[in-house]
């Protein structure tokens, strides 16, 4: 403190650029998700061209409840406004099957099949000439750019910093310092009112 929002923006923009390097890579990228892809982990997965999850893996952005905003904004581009709101207004996690059903990820497979399925997709793409892969990826990505991806990410990155410095965000930081980060996260994600001692 004092918080400088532009210093925060510069730091978080670098993270977003790192995540988006997967999106901008001339080669196709596939995220293979087992276990948890939450918060920044979900940003990384959703910046890949394809996401294949284990059925029992979990994905979501719990900091949307307090203390964060997904800087890549890929949720809305992957599933549209209503489903993105469903995920970000609750901070819920969904398993691979539900993520596939909502169109968030390309496929969900039983965990023992995950490695083989990702290898099959990669092998199938490897048979396509590089220039064709690059053209198809650039064309699809350009459609997202035309929909305002870069400007949406600017707003999301600013909001991420602001979210960590609201009264509730500062409460979450204090609570994590007092009770430990895991306890603060359990309280944040429980569904009970967040920051009950902060006046509204």
N, C-alpha and C. Protein backbone atom coordinates (compact mmCIF):
# COMPACT_ATOMS: atom_id res chain seq x y z
N UNK A 1 0.85 -1.19 0.00
CA UNK A 1 0.00 0.00 0.00
C UNK A 1 0.89 1.23 0.00
N UNK A 2 0.53 2.34 -0.61
CA UNK A 2 -0.69 2.46 -1.40
C UNK A 2 -0.60 1.66 -2.70
N UNK A 3 -1.76 1.21 -3.15
CA UNK A 3 -1.86 0.42 -4.36
C UNK A 3 -1.77 1.33 -5.57
N UNK A 4 -0.92 0.97 -6.51
CA UNK A 4 -0.83 1.71 -7.78
C UNK A 4 -1.48 0.85 -8.85
N UNK A 5 -2.67 1.22 -9.32
CA UNK A 5 -3.38 0.36 -10.27
C UNK A 5 -2.62 0.16 -11.58
N UNK A 6 -1.80 1.11 -11.97
CA UNK A 6 -1.09 0.95 -13.24
C UNK A 6 0.12 0.02 -13.10
N UNK A 7 0.74 0.00 -11.94
CA UNK A 7 1.80 -0.99 -11.69
C UNK A 7 1.18 -2.38 -11.68
N UNK A 8 0.05 -2.52 -10.99
CA UNK A 8 -0.68 -3.78 -10.94
C UNK A 8 -1.05 -4.21 -12.36
N UNK A 9 -1.58 -3.29 -13.14
CA UNK A 9 -1.99 -3.59 -14.52
C UNK A 9 -0.80 -4.08 -15.35
N UNK A 10 0.34 -3.43 -15.20
CA UNK A 10 1.54 -3.84 -15.96
C UNK A 10 1.96 -5.25 -15.61
N UNK A 11 1.96 -5.57 -14.31
CA UNK A 11 2.35 -6.91 -13.88
C UNK A 11 1.36 -7.95 -14.39
N UNK A 12 0.07 -7.71 -14.18
CA UNK A 12 -0.94 -8.69 -14.58
C UNK A 12 -1.03 -8.81 -16.10
N UNK A 13 -0.76 -7.73 -16.81
CA UNK A 13 -0.76 -7.80 -18.28
C UNK A 13 0.31 -8.75 -18.78
N UNK A 14 1.45 -8.76 -18.09
CA UNK A 14 2.51 -9.70 -18.49
C UNK A 14 2.05 -11.14 -18.31
N UNK A 15 1.34 -11.43 -17.20
CA UNK A 15 0.80 -12.78 -17.01
C UNK A 15 -0.17 -13.13 -18.14
N UNK A 16 -1.05 -12.18 -18.47
CA UNK A 16 -2.03 -12.42 -19.52
C UNK A 16 -1.33 -12.68 -20.85
N UNK A 17 -0.30 -11.91 -21.15
CA UNK A 17 0.47 -12.12 -22.39
C UNK A 17 1.11 -13.50 -22.40
N UNK A 18 1.62 -13.93 -21.24
CA UNK A 18 2.21 -15.27 -21.16
C UNK A 18 1.15 -16.34 -21.43
N UNK A 19 -0.03 -16.20 -20.81
CA UNK A 19 -1.11 -17.16 -21.05
C UNK A 19 -1.49 -17.16 -22.54
N UNK A 20 -1.61 -15.96 -23.10
CA UNK A 20 -2.06 -15.83 -24.49
C UNK A 20 -1.02 -16.27 -25.50
N UNK A 21 0.23 -16.50 -25.06
CA UNK A 21 1.23 -17.01 -25.99
C UNK A 21 0.80 -18.40 -26.50
N UNK A 22 0.03 -19.12 -25.72
CA UNK A 22 -0.52 -20.41 -26.16
C UNK A 22 -1.52 -20.19 -27.29
N UNK A 23 -2.33 -19.18 -27.14
CA UNK A 23 -3.36 -18.82 -28.13
C UNK A 23 -2.70 -18.32 -29.42
N UNK A 24 -1.65 -17.55 -29.29
CA UNK A 24 -1.01 -16.93 -30.46
C UNK A 24 0.06 -17.81 -31.10
N UNK A 25 0.43 -18.88 -30.44
CA UNK A 25 1.43 -19.79 -31.01
C UNK A 25 0.99 -20.21 -32.41
N UNK A 26 1.92 -20.26 -33.33
CA UNK A 26 1.58 -20.68 -34.69
C UNK A 26 1.27 -22.17 -34.75
N UNK A 27 1.73 -22.90 -33.76
CA UNK A 27 1.43 -24.33 -33.69
C UNK A 27 0.19 -24.54 -32.81
N UNK A 28 -0.61 -25.54 -33.14
CA UNK A 28 -1.77 -25.84 -32.29
C UNK A 28 -1.33 -26.24 -30.88
N UNK A 29 -2.14 -25.86 -29.91
CA UNK A 29 -1.86 -26.20 -28.52
C UNK A 29 -3.06 -26.97 -27.95
N UNK A 30 -2.75 -27.98 -27.16
CA UNK A 30 -3.79 -28.80 -26.53
C UNK A 30 -3.52 -28.81 -25.03
N UNK A 31 -4.53 -28.44 -24.24
CA UNK A 31 -4.43 -28.56 -22.79
C UNK A 31 -4.98 -29.92 -22.40
N UNK A 32 -4.20 -30.64 -21.62
CA UNK A 32 -4.62 -31.94 -21.07
C UNK A 32 -4.84 -31.70 -19.59
N UNK A 33 -6.10 -31.79 -19.14
CA UNK A 33 -6.44 -31.41 -17.77
C UNK A 33 -6.83 -32.64 -16.96
N UNK A 34 -6.03 -32.88 -15.93
CA UNK A 34 -6.38 -33.86 -14.91
C UNK A 34 -6.24 -33.14 -13.58
N UNK A 35 -7.00 -33.54 -12.61
CA UNK A 35 -6.95 -32.82 -11.33
C UNK A 35 -7.73 -31.52 -11.44
N UNK A 36 -7.08 -30.42 -11.06
CA UNK A 36 -7.75 -29.13 -11.02
C UNK A 36 -7.11 -28.13 -11.97
N UNK A 37 -7.95 -27.38 -12.70
CA UNK A 37 -7.51 -26.22 -13.48
C UNK A 37 -8.34 -25.05 -12.98
N UNK A 38 -7.87 -24.40 -11.93
CA UNK A 38 -8.63 -23.32 -11.31
C UNK A 38 -7.84 -22.02 -11.36
N UNK A 39 -8.57 -20.91 -11.27
CA UNK A 39 -7.98 -19.57 -11.29
C UNK A 39 -7.05 -19.45 -12.50
N UNK A 40 -5.78 -19.10 -12.29
CA UNK A 40 -4.85 -18.97 -13.41
C UNK A 40 -4.68 -20.25 -14.20
N UNK A 41 -4.87 -21.39 -13.55
CA UNK A 41 -4.81 -22.66 -14.27
C UNK A 41 -5.90 -22.78 -15.31
N UNK A 42 -7.07 -22.23 -15.01
CA UNK A 42 -8.15 -22.24 -16.01
C UNK A 42 -7.81 -21.28 -17.14
N UNK A 43 -7.17 -20.14 -16.83
CA UNK A 43 -6.73 -19.22 -17.89
C UNK A 43 -5.78 -19.93 -18.84
N UNK A 44 -4.81 -20.66 -18.29
CA UNK A 44 -3.84 -21.37 -19.12
C UNK A 44 -4.56 -22.38 -20.02
N UNK A 45 -5.43 -23.19 -19.43
CA UNK A 45 -6.13 -24.21 -20.22
C UNK A 45 -6.97 -23.57 -21.32
N UNK A 46 -7.72 -22.52 -20.99
CA UNK A 46 -8.65 -21.93 -21.95
C UNK A 46 -7.95 -21.12 -23.03
N UNK A 47 -6.67 -20.83 -22.86
CA UNK A 47 -5.91 -20.15 -23.91
C UNK A 47 -5.37 -21.14 -24.94
N UNK A 48 -5.48 -22.42 -24.66
CA UNK A 48 -5.06 -23.43 -25.64
C UNK A 48 -6.14 -23.57 -26.71
N UNK A 49 -5.76 -24.11 -27.85
CA UNK A 49 -6.71 -24.28 -28.94
C UNK A 49 -7.76 -25.33 -28.62
N UNK A 50 -7.34 -26.40 -28.01
CA UNK A 50 -8.25 -27.47 -27.61
C UNK A 50 -7.98 -27.81 -26.16
N UNK A 51 -9.04 -28.16 -25.46
CA UNK A 51 -8.90 -28.61 -24.08
C UNK A 51 -9.56 -29.99 -23.98
N UNK A 52 -8.80 -30.95 -23.48
CA UNK A 52 -9.32 -32.29 -23.22
C UNK A 52 -9.16 -32.52 -21.73
N UNK A 53 -10.26 -32.84 -21.08
CA UNK A 53 -10.26 -33.04 -19.63
C UNK A 53 -10.58 -34.48 -19.28
N UNK A 54 -10.03 -34.92 -18.17
CA UNK A 54 -10.49 -36.17 -17.56
C UNK A 54 -11.90 -35.92 -17.02
N UNK A 55 -12.74 -36.96 -17.08
CA UNK A 55 -14.12 -36.81 -16.60
C UNK A 55 -14.19 -36.26 -15.19
N UNK A 56 -13.25 -36.68 -14.33
CA UNK A 56 -13.30 -36.28 -12.93
C UNK A 56 -12.44 -35.05 -12.63
N UNK A 57 -11.81 -34.46 -13.64
CA UNK A 57 -11.05 -33.22 -13.42
C UNK A 57 -12.03 -32.08 -13.17
N UNK A 58 -11.53 -30.98 -12.61
CA UNK A 58 -12.39 -29.85 -12.27
C UNK A 58 -11.79 -28.57 -12.84
N UNK A 59 -12.67 -27.69 -13.33
CA UNK A 59 -12.22 -26.41 -13.87
C UNK A 59 -13.17 -25.32 -13.38
N UNK A 60 -12.62 -24.14 -13.12
CA UNK A 60 -13.43 -23.02 -12.68
C UNK A 60 -12.55 -21.84 -12.27
N UNK A 61 -13.21 -20.76 -11.88
CA UNK A 61 -12.50 -19.56 -11.47
C UNK A 61 -13.06 -19.07 -10.13
N UNK A 62 -12.77 -19.78 -9.01
CA UNK A 62 -13.31 -19.39 -7.70
C UNK A 62 -12.96 -17.97 -7.27
N UNK A 63 -11.81 -17.38 -7.66
CA UNK A 63 -11.55 -16.00 -7.24
C UNK A 63 -12.59 -15.00 -7.77
N UNK A 64 -13.44 -15.42 -8.70
CA UNK A 64 -14.51 -14.53 -9.14
C UNK A 64 -15.46 -14.20 -7.99
N UNK A 65 -15.47 -15.04 -6.95
CA UNK A 65 -16.32 -14.76 -5.78
C UNK A 65 -15.78 -13.57 -5.00
N UNK A 66 -14.49 -13.49 -4.88
CA UNK A 66 -13.81 -12.32 -4.30
C UNK A 66 -12.33 -12.50 -4.56
N UNK A 67 -11.68 -11.42 -4.95
CA UNK A 67 -10.23 -11.35 -5.10
C UNK A 67 -9.74 -11.69 -6.50
N UNK A 68 -10.58 -11.54 -7.53
CA UNK A 68 -10.05 -11.79 -8.85
C UNK A 68 -11.06 -11.68 -9.97
N UNK A 69 -10.51 -11.53 -11.17
CA UNK A 69 -11.27 -11.51 -12.42
C UNK A 69 -10.37 -12.19 -13.45
N UNK A 70 -10.88 -13.13 -14.24
CA UNK A 70 -10.01 -13.82 -15.19
C UNK A 70 -9.51 -12.86 -16.28
N UNK A 71 -8.23 -12.58 -16.25
CA UNK A 71 -7.68 -11.53 -17.12
C UNK A 71 -7.73 -11.90 -18.59
N UNK A 72 -7.75 -13.18 -18.92
CA UNK A 72 -7.80 -13.56 -20.34
C UNK A 72 -9.21 -13.41 -20.91
N UNK A 73 -10.21 -13.40 -20.05
CA UNK A 73 -11.62 -13.29 -20.45
C UNK A 73 -12.07 -14.41 -21.38
N UNK A 74 -11.36 -15.52 -21.38
CA UNK A 74 -11.67 -16.59 -22.32
C UNK A 74 -12.98 -17.31 -22.01
N UNK A 75 -13.48 -17.15 -20.79
CA UNK A 75 -14.75 -17.82 -20.45
C UNK A 75 -15.86 -17.39 -21.40
N UNK A 76 -16.02 -16.09 -21.60
CA UNK A 76 -17.12 -15.61 -22.44
C UNK A 76 -16.93 -16.01 -23.90
N UNK A 77 -15.69 -16.05 -24.35
CA UNK A 77 -15.45 -16.42 -25.74
C UNK A 77 -15.62 -17.92 -25.95
N UNK A 78 -15.43 -18.70 -24.92
CA UNK A 78 -15.59 -20.15 -25.04
C UNK A 78 -17.05 -20.59 -24.95
N UNK A 79 -17.83 -19.98 -24.06
CA UNK A 79 -19.18 -20.50 -23.80
C UNK A 79 -20.29 -19.47 -23.94
N UNK A 80 -19.98 -18.24 -24.31
CA UNK A 80 -21.01 -17.23 -24.44
C UNK A 80 -21.32 -16.55 -23.12
N UNK A 81 -22.14 -15.52 -23.21
CA UNK A 81 -22.40 -14.66 -22.06
C UNK A 81 -23.09 -15.38 -20.90
N UNK A 82 -24.17 -16.11 -21.19
CA UNK A 82 -24.96 -16.67 -20.09
C UNK A 82 -24.19 -17.74 -19.32
N UNK A 83 -23.53 -18.64 -20.02
CA UNK A 83 -22.78 -19.69 -19.32
C UNK A 83 -21.54 -19.10 -18.63
N UNK A 84 -20.92 -18.11 -19.26
CA UNK A 84 -19.79 -17.45 -18.60
C UNK A 84 -20.26 -16.78 -17.31
N UNK A 85 -21.42 -16.14 -17.35
CA UNK A 85 -21.96 -15.54 -16.13
C UNK A 85 -22.28 -16.60 -15.09
N UNK A 86 -22.82 -17.72 -15.53
CA UNK A 86 -23.13 -18.80 -14.58
C UNK A 86 -21.87 -19.21 -13.84
N UNK A 87 -20.75 -19.31 -14.54
CA UNK A 87 -19.50 -19.72 -13.90
C UNK A 87 -18.89 -18.60 -13.06
N UNK A 88 -18.88 -17.39 -13.58
CA UNK A 88 -18.17 -16.30 -12.91
C UNK A 88 -19.00 -15.61 -11.83
N UNK A 89 -20.31 -15.71 -11.89
CA UNK A 89 -21.14 -15.13 -10.82
C UNK A 89 -21.27 -16.07 -9.64
N UNK A 90 -20.86 -17.33 -9.82
CA UNK A 90 -20.89 -18.28 -8.70
C UNK A 90 -19.49 -18.67 -8.24
N UNK A 91 -18.52 -18.66 -9.15
CA UNK A 91 -17.18 -19.16 -8.84
C UNK A 91 -17.14 -20.67 -8.72
N UNK A 92 -18.17 -21.34 -9.23
CA UNK A 92 -18.26 -22.79 -9.13
C UNK A 92 -17.21 -23.49 -9.98
N UNK A 93 -16.94 -24.74 -9.61
CA UNK A 93 -16.13 -25.63 -10.42
C UNK A 93 -17.06 -26.63 -11.09
N UNK A 94 -16.69 -27.05 -12.30
CA UNK A 94 -17.43 -28.11 -12.98
C UNK A 94 -16.46 -29.21 -13.35
N UNK A 95 -16.98 -30.43 -13.45
CA UNK A 95 -16.10 -31.54 -13.85
C UNK A 95 -16.00 -31.59 -15.37
N UNK A 96 -15.18 -32.49 -15.86
CA UNK A 96 -14.94 -32.58 -17.29
C UNK A 96 -16.19 -32.84 -18.10
N UNK A 97 -17.07 -33.70 -17.59
CA UNK A 97 -18.31 -34.00 -18.33
C UNK A 97 -19.18 -32.76 -18.48
N UNK A 98 -19.33 -32.00 -17.39
CA UNK A 98 -20.16 -30.80 -17.48
C UNK A 98 -19.48 -29.75 -18.34
N UNK A 99 -18.16 -29.63 -18.26
CA UNK A 99 -17.42 -28.67 -19.09
C UNK A 99 -17.61 -28.99 -20.57
N UNK A 100 -17.61 -30.27 -20.92
CA UNK A 100 -17.85 -30.65 -22.31
C UNK A 100 -19.29 -30.33 -22.71
N UNK A 101 -20.24 -30.65 -21.84
CA UNK A 101 -21.66 -30.42 -22.15
C UNK A 101 -21.95 -28.93 -22.37
N UNK A 102 -21.26 -28.06 -21.64
CA UNK A 102 -21.51 -26.63 -21.80
C UNK A 102 -20.68 -26.02 -22.94
N UNK A 103 -19.83 -26.83 -23.58
CA UNK A 103 -19.02 -26.33 -24.69
C UNK A 103 -17.76 -25.62 -24.27
N UNK A 104 -17.40 -25.75 -23.00
CA UNK A 104 -16.20 -25.09 -22.49
C UNK A 104 -14.94 -25.79 -22.99
N UNK A 105 -14.99 -27.10 -23.10
CA UNK A 105 -13.83 -27.88 -23.53
C UNK A 105 -14.24 -28.78 -24.70
N UNK A 106 -13.25 -29.21 -25.46
CA UNK A 106 -13.53 -30.03 -26.64
C UNK A 106 -14.05 -31.40 -26.27
N UNK A 107 -13.41 -32.03 -25.26
CA UNK A 107 -13.78 -33.39 -24.91
C UNK A 107 -13.51 -33.66 -23.44
N UNK A 108 -14.27 -34.61 -22.92
CA UNK A 108 -14.03 -35.16 -21.60
C UNK A 108 -13.96 -36.67 -21.78
N UNK A 109 -12.94 -37.27 -21.20
CA UNK A 109 -12.74 -38.72 -21.34
C UNK A 109 -12.41 -39.31 -19.98
N UNK A 110 -12.62 -40.61 -19.81
CA UNK A 110 -12.19 -41.24 -18.56
C UNK A 110 -10.69 -41.00 -18.35
N UNK A 111 -10.29 -40.76 -17.12
CA UNK A 111 -8.90 -40.40 -16.83
C UNK A 111 -7.87 -41.37 -17.42
N UNK A 112 -8.11 -42.69 -17.38
CA UNK A 112 -7.12 -43.60 -17.96
C UNK A 112 -6.95 -43.42 -19.48
N UNK A 113 -7.93 -42.81 -20.15
CA UNK A 113 -7.87 -42.58 -21.60
C UNK A 113 -7.29 -41.22 -21.97
N UNK A 114 -7.05 -40.36 -20.99
CA UNK A 114 -6.67 -38.97 -21.26
C UNK A 114 -5.40 -38.86 -22.10
N UNK A 115 -4.34 -39.49 -21.68
CA UNK A 115 -3.07 -39.39 -22.42
C UNK A 115 -3.24 -39.88 -23.86
N UNK A 116 -3.89 -41.02 -24.03
CA UNK A 116 -4.06 -41.57 -25.37
C UNK A 116 -4.90 -40.65 -26.25
N UNK A 117 -5.98 -40.08 -25.68
CA UNK A 117 -6.85 -39.23 -26.51
C UNK A 117 -6.13 -37.97 -26.96
N UNK A 118 -5.36 -37.35 -26.06
CA UNK A 118 -4.61 -36.15 -26.44
C UNK A 118 -3.57 -36.51 -27.50
N UNK A 119 -2.91 -37.65 -27.35
CA UNK A 119 -1.93 -38.09 -28.35
C UNK A 119 -2.60 -38.32 -29.70
N UNK A 120 -3.79 -38.92 -29.70
CA UNK A 120 -4.52 -39.15 -30.95
C UNK A 120 -4.81 -37.83 -31.66
N UNK A 121 -5.28 -36.84 -30.92
CA UNK A 121 -5.57 -35.53 -31.53
C UNK A 121 -4.31 -34.88 -32.07
N UNK A 122 -3.25 -34.91 -31.28
CA UNK A 122 -1.99 -34.30 -31.71
C UNK A 122 -1.46 -35.00 -32.95
N UNK A 123 -1.54 -36.33 -32.97
CA UNK A 123 -1.05 -37.10 -34.11
C UNK A 123 -1.88 -36.78 -35.36
N UNK A 124 -3.18 -36.66 -35.19
CA UNK A 124 -4.07 -36.33 -36.32
C UNK A 124 -3.71 -34.96 -36.90
N UNK A 125 -3.48 -33.97 -36.03
CA UNK A 125 -3.11 -32.64 -36.51
C UNK A 125 -1.72 -32.63 -37.13
N UNK A 126 -0.83 -33.46 -36.62
CA UNK A 126 0.54 -33.50 -37.14
C UNK A 126 0.58 -33.91 -38.61
N UNK A 127 -0.46 -34.57 -39.10
CA UNK A 127 -0.51 -34.96 -40.50
C UNK A 127 -0.93 -33.85 -41.43
N UNK A 128 -1.34 -32.72 -40.89
CA UNK A 128 -1.77 -31.57 -41.69
C UNK A 128 -0.56 -30.66 -41.92
N UNK A 129 -0.37 -30.14 -43.15
CA UNK A 129 0.76 -29.23 -43.37
C UNK A 129 0.73 -28.06 -42.40
N UNK A 130 1.92 -27.66 -41.96
CA UNK A 130 2.03 -26.55 -40.99
C UNK A 130 1.35 -25.28 -41.47
N UNK A 131 1.51 -24.97 -42.77
CA UNK A 131 0.90 -23.72 -43.25
C UNK A 131 -0.63 -23.78 -43.16
N UNK A 132 -1.21 -24.96 -43.37
CA UNK A 132 -2.66 -25.10 -43.24
C UNK A 132 -3.10 -24.91 -41.79
N UNK A 133 -2.36 -25.55 -40.87
CA UNK A 133 -2.69 -25.39 -39.45
C UNK A 133 -2.62 -23.92 -39.05
N UNK A 134 -1.57 -23.25 -39.49
CA UNK A 134 -1.38 -21.85 -39.14
C UNK A 134 -2.51 -20.98 -39.69
N UNK A 135 -2.88 -21.22 -40.96
CA UNK A 135 -3.96 -20.41 -41.56
C UNK A 135 -5.28 -20.61 -40.84
N UNK A 136 -5.62 -21.87 -40.53
CA UNK A 136 -6.89 -22.13 -39.86
C UNK A 136 -6.93 -21.49 -38.47
N UNK A 137 -5.82 -21.63 -37.75
CA UNK A 137 -5.75 -21.06 -36.40
C UNK A 137 -5.82 -19.54 -36.46
N UNK A 138 -5.08 -18.91 -37.36
CA UNK A 138 -5.11 -17.46 -37.47
C UNK A 138 -6.50 -16.95 -37.86
N UNK A 139 -7.18 -17.68 -38.74
CA UNK A 139 -8.52 -17.26 -39.16
C UNK A 139 -9.50 -17.30 -37.98
N UNK A 140 -9.49 -18.39 -37.22
CA UNK A 140 -10.39 -18.50 -36.07
C UNK A 140 -10.03 -17.44 -35.02
N UNK A 141 -8.74 -17.30 -34.72
CA UNK A 141 -8.32 -16.31 -33.73
C UNK A 141 -8.69 -14.90 -34.15
N UNK A 142 -8.60 -14.61 -35.44
CA UNK A 142 -8.94 -13.26 -35.91
C UNK A 142 -10.41 -12.95 -35.67
N UNK A 143 -11.26 -13.97 -35.79
CA UNK A 143 -12.68 -13.75 -35.49
C UNK A 143 -12.85 -13.28 -34.05
N UNK A 144 -12.11 -13.88 -33.14
CA UNK A 144 -12.18 -13.47 -31.73
C UNK A 144 -11.61 -12.07 -31.55
N UNK A 145 -10.52 -11.77 -32.23
CA UNK A 145 -9.96 -10.42 -32.16
C UNK A 145 -10.97 -9.40 -32.66
N UNK A 146 -11.69 -9.74 -33.73
CA UNK A 146 -12.70 -8.83 -34.27
C UNK A 146 -13.85 -8.61 -33.30
N UNK A 147 -14.07 -9.57 -32.40
CA UNK A 147 -15.12 -9.43 -31.39
C UNK A 147 -14.64 -8.64 -30.18
N UNK A 148 -13.40 -8.17 -30.20
CA UNK A 148 -12.93 -7.30 -29.13
C UNK A 148 -12.15 -7.99 -28.04
N UNK A 149 -11.52 -9.11 -28.33
CA UNK A 149 -10.78 -9.86 -27.32
C UNK A 149 -9.76 -8.99 -26.59
N UNK A 150 -8.96 -8.23 -27.32
CA UNK A 150 -7.89 -7.42 -26.69
C UNK A 150 -8.46 -6.36 -25.75
N UNK A 151 -9.51 -5.68 -26.17
CA UNK A 151 -10.07 -4.64 -25.30
C UNK A 151 -10.77 -5.26 -24.09
N UNK A 152 -11.40 -6.42 -24.27
CA UNK A 152 -12.02 -7.11 -23.14
C UNK A 152 -10.96 -7.53 -22.13
N UNK A 153 -9.81 -7.99 -22.62
CA UNK A 153 -8.73 -8.38 -21.71
C UNK A 153 -8.17 -7.18 -20.96
N UNK A 154 -8.13 -6.02 -21.58
CA UNK A 154 -7.67 -4.81 -20.88
C UNK A 154 -8.58 -4.51 -19.69
N UNK A 155 -9.88 -4.55 -19.93
CA UNK A 155 -10.84 -4.28 -18.85
C UNK A 155 -10.73 -5.36 -17.77
N UNK A 156 -10.65 -6.62 -18.19
CA UNK A 156 -10.58 -7.72 -17.22
C UNK A 156 -9.33 -7.61 -16.36
N UNK A 157 -8.22 -7.20 -16.95
CA UNK A 157 -6.96 -7.08 -16.21
C UNK A 157 -7.05 -5.94 -15.20
N UNK A 158 -7.67 -4.84 -15.58
CA UNK A 158 -7.89 -3.74 -14.64
C UNK A 158 -8.82 -4.18 -13.51
N UNK A 159 -9.90 -4.87 -13.86
CA UNK A 159 -10.84 -5.34 -12.85
C UNK A 159 -10.20 -6.34 -11.89
N UNK A 160 -9.27 -7.16 -12.39
CA UNK A 160 -8.60 -8.11 -11.52
C UNK A 160 -7.87 -7.38 -10.39
N UNK A 161 -7.15 -6.31 -10.72
CA UNK A 161 -6.46 -5.53 -9.70
C UNK A 161 -7.43 -4.85 -8.76
N UNK A 162 -8.49 -4.30 -9.31
CA UNK A 162 -9.50 -3.64 -8.47
C UNK A 162 -10.13 -4.64 -7.51
N UNK A 163 -10.44 -5.84 -8.01
CA UNK A 163 -11.09 -6.86 -7.18
C UNK A 163 -10.27 -7.21 -5.95
N UNK A 164 -8.95 -7.17 -6.07
CA UNK A 164 -8.09 -7.49 -4.93
C UNK A 164 -7.99 -6.34 -3.95
N UNK A 165 -8.53 -5.16 -4.31
CA UNK A 165 -8.41 -3.98 -3.44
C UNK A 165 -9.74 -3.37 -3.04
N UNK A 166 -10.84 -4.10 -3.29
CA UNK A 166 -12.13 -3.67 -2.77
C UNK A 166 -12.14 -3.93 -1.26
N UNK A 167 -13.11 -3.40 -0.52
CA UNK A 167 -13.19 -3.74 0.90
C UNK A 167 -13.25 -5.26 1.13
N UNK A 168 -14.00 -5.96 0.27
CA UNK A 168 -14.10 -7.42 0.41
C UNK A 168 -12.79 -8.10 0.04
N UNK A 169 -12.10 -7.59 -0.97
CA UNK A 169 -10.80 -8.13 -1.34
C UNK A 169 -9.78 -7.96 -0.23
N UNK A 170 -9.80 -6.80 0.42
CA UNK A 170 -8.89 -6.56 1.54
C UNK A 170 -9.27 -7.44 2.73
N UNK A 171 -10.57 -7.68 2.93
CA UNK A 171 -11.02 -8.61 3.97
C UNK A 171 -10.45 -10.00 3.70
N UNK A 172 -10.54 -10.45 2.44
CA UNK A 172 -10.05 -11.78 2.10
C UNK A 172 -8.55 -11.89 2.38
N UNK A 173 -7.80 -10.87 2.05
CA UNK A 173 -6.35 -10.85 2.30
C UNK A 173 -6.09 -10.96 3.81
N UNK A 174 -6.79 -10.14 4.61
CA UNK A 174 -6.62 -10.19 6.06
C UNK A 174 -7.01 -11.57 6.61
N UNK A 175 -8.12 -12.10 6.11
CA UNK A 175 -8.59 -13.40 6.59
C UNK A 175 -7.56 -14.49 6.27
N UNK A 176 -6.95 -14.42 5.09
CA UNK A 176 -5.92 -15.40 4.72
C UNK A 176 -4.70 -15.27 5.62
N UNK A 177 -4.36 -14.04 6.00
CA UNK A 177 -3.22 -13.82 6.90
C UNK A 177 -3.52 -14.34 8.30
N UNK A 178 -4.77 -14.18 8.74
CA UNK A 178 -5.16 -14.61 10.09
C UNK A 178 -5.36 -16.12 10.19
N UNK A 179 -6.14 -16.67 9.27
CA UNK A 179 -6.57 -18.06 9.38
C UNK A 179 -5.85 -19.00 8.42
N UNK A 180 -5.05 -18.46 7.54
CA UNK A 180 -4.40 -19.28 6.52
C UNK A 180 -5.18 -19.21 5.21
N UNK A 181 -4.45 -19.31 4.12
CA UNK A 181 -5.06 -19.16 2.80
C UNK A 181 -6.12 -20.23 2.54
N UNK A 182 -5.84 -21.49 2.90
CA UNK A 182 -6.80 -22.55 2.63
C UNK A 182 -8.12 -22.33 3.37
N UNK A 183 -8.04 -21.86 4.62
CA UNK A 183 -9.26 -21.59 5.38
C UNK A 183 -10.03 -20.42 4.75
N UNK A 184 -9.31 -19.37 4.36
CA UNK A 184 -9.97 -18.23 3.72
C UNK A 184 -10.66 -18.66 2.43
N UNK A 185 -10.02 -19.52 1.66
CA UNK A 185 -10.63 -20.03 0.42
C UNK A 185 -11.86 -20.87 0.74
N UNK A 186 -11.79 -21.73 1.76
CA UNK A 186 -12.96 -22.53 2.15
C UNK A 186 -14.13 -21.61 2.50
N UNK A 187 -13.85 -20.56 3.25
CA UNK A 187 -14.92 -19.62 3.62
C UNK A 187 -15.45 -18.89 2.39
N UNK A 188 -14.55 -18.44 1.52
CA UNK A 188 -14.96 -17.72 0.30
C UNK A 188 -15.86 -18.59 -0.57
N UNK A 189 -15.49 -19.86 -0.70
CA UNK A 189 -16.18 -20.75 -1.64
C UNK A 189 -17.35 -21.50 -1.02
N UNK A 190 -17.63 -21.28 0.27
CA UNK A 190 -18.68 -22.03 0.97
C UNK A 190 -20.09 -21.67 0.52
N UNK A 191 -20.26 -20.50 -0.03
CA UNK A 191 -21.61 -20.02 -0.37
C UNK A 191 -22.18 -19.09 0.67
N UNK A 192 -21.54 -19.01 1.84
CA UNK A 192 -21.97 -18.07 2.88
C UNK A 192 -21.59 -16.65 2.42
N UNK A 193 -22.22 -15.63 3.00
CA UNK A 193 -21.86 -14.26 2.63
C UNK A 193 -20.37 -14.01 2.81
N UNK A 194 -19.80 -13.34 1.83
CA UNK A 194 -18.36 -13.03 1.85
C UNK A 194 -18.15 -11.72 2.61
N UNK A 195 -17.12 -11.69 3.42
CA UNK A 195 -16.75 -10.49 4.18
C UNK A 195 -17.91 -10.00 5.03
N UNK A 196 -18.41 -10.83 5.93
CA UNK A 196 -19.59 -10.45 6.71
C UNK A 196 -19.38 -9.22 7.58
N UNK A 197 -18.13 -8.93 7.93
CA UNK A 197 -17.87 -7.76 8.79
C UNK A 197 -17.59 -6.49 8.01
N UNK A 198 -17.71 -6.54 6.68
CA UNK A 198 -17.49 -5.35 5.85
C UNK A 198 -18.83 -4.72 5.56
N UNK A 199 -18.98 -3.46 5.88
CA UNK A 199 -20.23 -2.76 5.63
C UNK A 199 -20.54 -2.64 4.15
N UNK A 200 -21.79 -2.78 3.82
CA UNK A 200 -22.19 -2.67 2.41
C UNK A 200 -22.95 -1.39 2.18
